[in-house]
Amino acid sequence: MLIATGIYGILVWFDIPVFSCPWNKVTGLPCPGCGMTRSTLALMNGRFLDSLRYNALTWIVLLIWLIVAIGIAIPARYRKVWIERIGIWENRTRWGLWFTAIAVIYTLTRWTPFL
């Protein structure tokens, strides 16, 4: 998944046309991920407000990817502890459920101009 994301990022960085969102093509409405590529590129260029305008969920998704990258990068003997602590934190906070609820609400609010 990281390799595919990297390839996609390189293609977008060099303005090589890539596929468009199938959900948007069918419904005419933006999906929760629409604008994340532009948002990430804006963030990488230091345009923080533009990044939020393109897609506010990008920052949360990038934080999740950072946690995954740390888990991959740390030595194997610490990885089990890292996974256990993340699991305890997830059970305590239910962040996955909260993120899903936020994504649904955010998507519905993005659709209001189209309705």
N, C-alpha and C. Protein backbone atom coordinates (compact mmCIF):
# COMPACT_ATOMS: atom_id res chain seq x y z
N MET A 1 0.82 -1.18 0.00
CA MET A 1 0.00 0.00 0.00
C MET A 1 0.88 1.26 0.00
N LEU A 2 1.97 1.21 0.77
CA LEU A 2 2.88 2.36 0.80
C LEU A 2 3.53 2.57 -0.57
N ILE A 3 3.87 1.49 -1.25
CA ILE A 3 4.48 1.59 -2.57
C ILE A 3 3.50 2.21 -3.56
N ALA A 4 2.25 1.75 -3.54
CA ALA A 4 1.23 2.30 -4.44
C ALA A 4 1.00 3.78 -4.16
N THR A 5 0.97 4.14 -2.88
CA THR A 5 0.80 5.55 -2.51
C THR A 5 1.97 6.38 -3.01
N GLY A 6 3.18 5.83 -2.87
CA GLY A 6 4.37 6.54 -3.35
C GLY A 6 4.36 6.75 -4.85
N ILE A 7 3.99 5.71 -5.59
CA ILE A 7 3.92 5.82 -7.05
C ILE A 7 2.87 6.85 -7.46
N TYR A 8 1.70 6.78 -6.80
CA TYR A 8 0.63 7.75 -7.09
C TYR A 8 1.11 9.17 -6.79
N GLY A 9 1.79 9.34 -5.66
CA GLY A 9 2.30 10.67 -5.30
C GLY A 9 3.30 11.20 -6.31
N ILE A 10 4.18 10.33 -6.80
CA ILE A 10 5.17 10.75 -7.81
C ILE A 10 4.48 11.16 -9.10
N LEU A 11 3.48 10.38 -9.53
CA LEU A 11 2.76 10.73 -10.76
C LEU A 11 2.07 12.08 -10.62
N VAL A 12 1.45 12.32 -9.48
CA VAL A 12 0.76 13.59 -9.27
C VAL A 12 1.78 14.73 -9.18
N TRP A 13 2.89 14.48 -8.50
CA TRP A 13 3.92 15.52 -8.33
C TRP A 13 4.42 16.03 -9.68
N PHE A 14 4.55 15.12 -10.65
CA PHE A 14 5.03 15.50 -11.97
C PHE A 14 3.90 15.80 -12.96
N ASP A 15 2.68 16.02 -12.43
CA ASP A 15 1.51 16.37 -13.25
C ASP A 15 1.20 15.35 -14.33
N ILE A 16 1.42 14.08 -14.03
CA ILE A 16 1.05 13.02 -14.96
C ILE A 16 -0.39 12.62 -14.64
N PRO A 17 -1.29 12.63 -15.62
CA PRO A 17 -2.69 12.34 -15.34
C PRO A 17 -2.89 10.96 -14.73
N VAL A 18 -3.70 10.92 -13.69
CA VAL A 18 -4.05 9.67 -13.03
C VAL A 18 -5.56 9.54 -13.03
N PHE A 19 -6.05 8.41 -12.53
CA PHE A 19 -7.49 8.18 -12.55
C PHE A 19 -8.24 9.19 -11.69
N SER A 20 -9.49 9.41 -12.02
CA SER A 20 -10.31 10.30 -11.21
C SER A 20 -11.24 9.46 -10.32
N CYS A 21 -11.86 10.10 -9.39
CA CYS A 21 -12.68 9.41 -8.38
C CYS A 21 -13.92 8.78 -9.02
N PRO A 22 -14.08 7.45 -8.90
CA PRO A 22 -15.25 6.81 -9.49
C PRO A 22 -16.55 7.24 -8.80
N TRP A 23 -16.51 7.46 -7.49
CA TRP A 23 -17.71 7.92 -6.77
C TRP A 23 -18.18 9.26 -7.33
N ASN A 24 -17.23 10.18 -7.54
CA ASN A 24 -17.56 11.50 -8.08
C ASN A 24 -18.08 11.39 -9.51
N LYS A 25 -17.51 10.50 -10.30
CA LYS A 25 -17.97 10.31 -11.68
C LYS A 25 -19.41 9.83 -11.73
N VAL A 26 -19.78 8.92 -10.82
CA VAL A 26 -21.11 8.33 -10.84
C VAL A 26 -22.15 9.26 -10.23
N THR A 27 -21.82 9.86 -9.06
CA THR A 27 -22.82 10.64 -8.33
C THR A 27 -22.69 12.14 -8.51
N GLY A 28 -21.53 12.62 -8.89
CA GLY A 28 -21.30 14.05 -8.97
C GLY A 28 -21.00 14.67 -7.62
N LEU A 29 -20.91 13.85 -6.58
CA LEU A 29 -20.62 14.31 -5.23
C LEU A 29 -19.21 13.90 -4.83
N PRO A 30 -18.52 14.72 -4.03
CA PRO A 30 -17.18 14.34 -3.61
C PRO A 30 -17.22 13.23 -2.56
N CYS A 31 -16.29 12.29 -2.66
CA CYS A 31 -16.17 11.23 -1.66
C CYS A 31 -15.33 11.77 -0.49
N PRO A 32 -15.23 11.03 0.62
CA PRO A 32 -14.42 11.53 1.74
C PRO A 32 -12.95 11.76 1.36
N GLY A 33 -12.46 11.05 0.36
CA GLY A 33 -11.06 11.19 -0.03
C GLY A 33 -10.81 12.22 -1.11
N CYS A 34 -11.85 12.75 -1.72
CA CYS A 34 -11.65 13.72 -2.80
C CYS A 34 -10.91 14.95 -2.27
N GLY A 35 -9.85 15.31 -2.94
CA GLY A 35 -9.05 16.47 -2.58
C GLY A 35 -7.87 16.15 -1.68
N MET A 36 -7.71 14.88 -1.28
CA MET A 36 -6.61 14.55 -0.38
C MET A 36 -5.24 14.69 -1.04
N THR A 37 -5.15 14.40 -2.32
CA THR A 37 -3.87 14.54 -3.00
C THR A 37 -3.48 16.01 -3.06
N ARG A 38 -4.42 16.85 -3.48
CA ARG A 38 -4.14 18.30 -3.52
C ARG A 38 -3.84 18.82 -2.12
N SER A 39 -4.56 18.32 -1.13
CA SER A 39 -4.35 18.74 0.25
C SER A 39 -2.96 18.36 0.74
N THR A 40 -2.52 17.15 0.43
CA THR A 40 -1.19 16.70 0.84
C THR A 40 -0.10 17.52 0.15
N LEU A 41 -0.27 17.78 -1.14
CA LEU A 41 0.72 18.60 -1.86
C LEU A 41 0.76 20.01 -1.29
N ALA A 42 -0.39 20.59 -0.97
CA ALA A 42 -0.42 21.92 -0.38
C ALA A 42 0.28 21.91 0.98
N LEU A 43 0.05 20.86 1.76
CA LEU A 43 0.69 20.73 3.07
C LEU A 43 2.21 20.63 2.91
N MET A 44 2.65 19.85 1.94
CA MET A 44 4.09 19.70 1.70
C MET A 44 4.73 21.01 1.25
N ASN A 45 3.95 21.89 0.63
CA ASN A 45 4.46 23.18 0.18
C ASN A 45 4.24 24.28 1.21
N GLY A 46 3.75 23.91 2.40
CA GLY A 46 3.57 24.89 3.47
C GLY A 46 2.31 25.72 3.38
N ARG A 47 1.40 25.36 2.51
CA ARG A 47 0.14 26.09 2.36
C ARG A 47 -0.93 25.39 3.22
N PHE A 48 -0.88 25.65 4.52
CA PHE A 48 -1.70 24.92 5.47
C PHE A 48 -3.19 25.19 5.31
N LEU A 49 -3.57 26.44 5.09
CA LEU A 49 -5.00 26.75 4.91
C LEU A 49 -5.55 26.14 3.63
N ASP A 50 -4.76 26.18 2.56
CA ASP A 50 -5.20 25.53 1.32
C ASP A 50 -5.37 24.03 1.55
N SER A 51 -4.47 23.44 2.32
CA SER A 51 -4.56 22.02 2.63
C SER A 51 -5.87 21.70 3.34
N LEU A 52 -6.24 22.51 4.31
CA LEU A 52 -7.51 22.30 5.01
C LEU A 52 -8.71 22.51 4.10
N ARG A 53 -8.62 23.47 3.19
CA ARG A 53 -9.73 23.72 2.26
C ARG A 53 -9.94 22.56 1.29
N TYR A 54 -8.86 21.96 0.82
CA TYR A 54 -8.98 20.85 -0.13
C TYR A 54 -9.62 19.63 0.53
N ASN A 55 -9.12 19.27 1.72
CA ASN A 55 -9.71 18.15 2.46
C ASN A 55 -9.15 18.16 3.88
N ALA A 56 -10.01 18.43 4.84
CA ALA A 56 -9.58 18.55 6.24
C ALA A 56 -9.21 17.20 6.84
N LEU A 57 -9.69 16.10 6.27
CA LEU A 57 -9.37 14.78 6.81
C LEU A 57 -7.93 14.35 6.52
N THR A 58 -7.27 15.03 5.62
CA THR A 58 -5.92 14.66 5.23
C THR A 58 -4.98 14.63 6.42
N TRP A 59 -5.09 15.61 7.29
CA TRP A 59 -4.18 15.70 8.43
C TRP A 59 -4.34 14.49 9.34
N ILE A 60 -5.58 14.03 9.54
CA ILE A 60 -5.83 12.86 10.39
C ILE A 60 -5.28 11.61 9.72
N VAL A 61 -5.51 11.47 8.43
CA VAL A 61 -5.02 10.29 7.70
C VAL A 61 -3.49 10.27 7.71
N LEU A 62 -2.86 11.41 7.53
CA LEU A 62 -1.39 11.46 7.56
C LEU A 62 -0.86 11.12 8.95
N LEU A 63 -1.57 11.52 9.99
CA LEU A 63 -1.18 11.15 11.35
C LEU A 63 -1.25 9.64 11.54
N ILE A 64 -2.31 9.03 11.02
CA ILE A 64 -2.44 7.57 11.10
C ILE A 64 -1.30 6.89 10.34
N TRP A 65 -0.97 7.40 9.14
CA TRP A 65 0.14 6.85 8.36
C TRP A 65 1.46 7.01 9.12
N LEU A 66 1.63 8.12 9.84
CA LEU A 66 2.85 8.33 10.62
C LEU A 66 2.95 7.28 11.73
N ILE A 67 1.84 6.98 12.39
CA ILE A 67 1.84 5.96 13.44
C ILE A 67 2.20 4.60 12.85
N VAL A 68 1.65 4.29 11.66
CA VAL A 68 1.98 3.03 10.99
C VAL A 68 3.46 2.99 10.61
N ALA A 69 3.97 4.10 10.08
CA ALA A 69 5.38 4.15 9.68
C ALA A 69 6.31 3.96 10.87
N ILE A 70 5.96 4.56 12.01
CA ILE A 70 6.77 4.38 13.21
C ILE A 70 6.75 2.91 13.62
N GLY A 71 5.58 2.29 13.56
CA GLY A 71 5.47 0.88 13.91
C GLY A 71 6.30 -0.01 13.00
N ILE A 72 6.41 0.36 11.75
CA ILE A 72 7.22 -0.42 10.80
C ILE A 72 8.71 -0.17 11.04
N ALA A 73 9.07 1.06 11.38
CA ALA A 73 10.47 1.44 11.47
C ALA A 73 11.14 1.01 12.77
N ILE A 74 10.39 0.84 13.84
CA ILE A 74 11.04 0.50 15.11
C ILE A 74 11.51 -0.95 15.09
N PRO A 75 12.53 -1.26 15.89
CA PRO A 75 13.04 -2.64 15.93
C PRO A 75 11.94 -3.62 16.35
N ALA A 76 12.08 -4.85 15.89
CA ALA A 76 11.05 -5.88 16.11
C ALA A 76 10.76 -6.11 17.59
N ARG A 77 11.77 -6.00 18.44
CA ARG A 77 11.54 -6.28 19.87
C ARG A 77 10.65 -5.23 20.52
N TYR A 78 10.61 -4.01 19.98
CA TYR A 78 9.75 -2.96 20.51
C TYR A 78 8.40 -2.90 19.81
N ARG A 79 8.32 -3.53 18.65
CA ARG A 79 7.12 -3.46 17.83
C ARG A 79 5.90 -4.04 18.56
N LYS A 80 6.11 -5.15 19.25
CA LYS A 80 5.00 -5.78 19.96
C LYS A 80 4.45 -4.85 21.05
N VAL A 81 5.34 -4.19 21.76
CA VAL A 81 4.92 -3.24 22.79
C VAL A 81 4.17 -2.08 22.16
N TRP A 82 4.67 -1.58 21.02
CA TRP A 82 4.03 -0.48 20.29
C TRP A 82 2.61 -0.88 19.89
N ILE A 83 2.46 -2.07 19.34
CA ILE A 83 1.14 -2.55 18.90
C ILE A 83 0.21 -2.71 20.09
N GLU A 84 0.72 -3.24 21.20
CA GLU A 84 -0.11 -3.40 22.39
C GLU A 84 -0.58 -2.05 22.93
N ARG A 85 0.32 -1.08 22.97
CA ARG A 85 -0.05 0.26 23.47
C ARG A 85 -1.05 0.94 22.55
N ILE A 86 -0.87 0.80 21.25
CA ILE A 86 -1.84 1.36 20.31
C ILE A 86 -3.20 0.68 20.51
N GLY A 87 -3.19 -0.65 20.70
CA GLY A 87 -4.43 -1.38 20.94
C GLY A 87 -5.14 -0.93 22.21
N ILE A 88 -4.37 -0.74 23.28
CA ILE A 88 -4.96 -0.26 24.54
C ILE A 88 -5.55 1.13 24.34
N TRP A 89 -4.79 2.00 23.66
CA TRP A 89 -5.28 3.36 23.41
C TRP A 89 -6.54 3.33 22.55
N GLU A 90 -6.57 2.45 21.54
CA GLU A 90 -7.76 2.35 20.68
C GLU A 90 -8.96 1.85 21.48
N ASN A 91 -8.75 0.87 22.34
CA ASN A 91 -9.86 0.36 23.15
C ASN A 91 -10.38 1.41 24.12
N ARG A 92 -9.49 2.22 24.64
CA ARG A 92 -9.88 3.25 25.60
C ARG A 92 -10.59 4.42 24.93
N THR A 93 -10.11 4.84 23.77
CA THR A 93 -10.65 6.04 23.13
C THR A 93 -11.64 5.76 22.02
N ARG A 94 -11.61 4.55 21.45
CA ARG A 94 -12.45 4.21 20.29
C ARG A 94 -12.23 5.19 19.14
N TRP A 95 -10.96 5.53 18.89
CA TRP A 95 -10.64 6.53 17.87
C TRP A 95 -11.11 6.12 16.48
N GLY A 96 -11.11 4.83 16.18
CA GLY A 96 -11.58 4.38 14.87
C GLY A 96 -13.04 4.72 14.65
N LEU A 97 -13.85 4.53 15.69
CA LEU A 97 -15.26 4.88 15.61
C LEU A 97 -15.45 6.39 15.49
N TRP A 98 -14.67 7.14 16.27
CA TRP A 98 -14.75 8.60 16.19
C TRP A 98 -14.33 9.11 14.80
N PHE A 99 -13.26 8.55 14.27
CA PHE A 99 -12.80 8.97 12.95
C PHE A 99 -13.86 8.68 11.89
N THR A 100 -14.49 7.52 11.97
CA THR A 100 -15.54 7.17 11.02
C THR A 100 -16.71 8.15 11.13
N ALA A 101 -17.12 8.47 12.34
CA ALA A 101 -18.22 9.41 12.54
C ALA A 101 -17.86 10.79 12.00
N ILE A 102 -16.64 11.24 12.27
CA ILE A 102 -16.20 12.54 11.76
C ILE A 102 -16.16 12.54 10.24
N ALA A 103 -15.67 11.44 9.64
CA ALA A 103 -15.60 11.35 8.17
C ALA A 103 -17.00 11.40 7.56
N VAL A 104 -17.96 10.72 8.17
CA VAL A 104 -19.33 10.74 7.65
C VAL A 104 -19.93 12.14 7.75
N ILE A 105 -19.78 12.78 8.91
CA ILE A 105 -20.32 14.13 9.09
C ILE A 105 -19.63 15.11 8.15
N TYR A 106 -18.33 15.01 8.02
CA TYR A 106 -17.57 15.89 7.13
C TYR A 106 -18.03 15.72 5.68
N THR A 107 -18.22 14.47 5.27
CA THR A 107 -18.66 14.20 3.90
C THR A 107 -20.06 14.77 3.67
N LEU A 108 -20.95 14.57 4.60
CA LEU A 108 -22.31 15.11 4.45
C LEU A 108 -22.31 16.63 4.37
N THR A 109 -21.45 17.28 5.16
CA THR A 109 -21.39 18.75 5.08
C THR A 109 -20.77 19.22 3.77
N ARG A 110 -19.86 18.40 3.21
CA ARG A 110 -19.31 18.76 1.89
C ARG A 110 -20.35 18.63 0.80
N TRP A 111 -21.34 17.76 1.00
CA TRP A 111 -22.37 17.56 0.00
C TRP A 111 -23.45 18.64 0.02
N THR A 112 -23.60 19.38 1.11
CA THR A 112 -24.71 20.33 1.21
C THR A 112 -24.76 21.35 0.07
N PRO A 113 -23.63 21.86 -0.45
CA PRO A 113 -23.75 22.78 -1.58
C PRO A 113 -24.31 22.13 -2.85
N PHE A 114 -24.19 20.80 -2.92
CA PHE A 114 -24.63 20.09 -4.12
C PHE A 114 -26.09 19.68 -4.05
N LEU A 115 -26.69 19.69 -2.87
CA LEU A 115 -28.06 19.20 -2.71
C LEU A 115 -29.09 20.26 -3.02
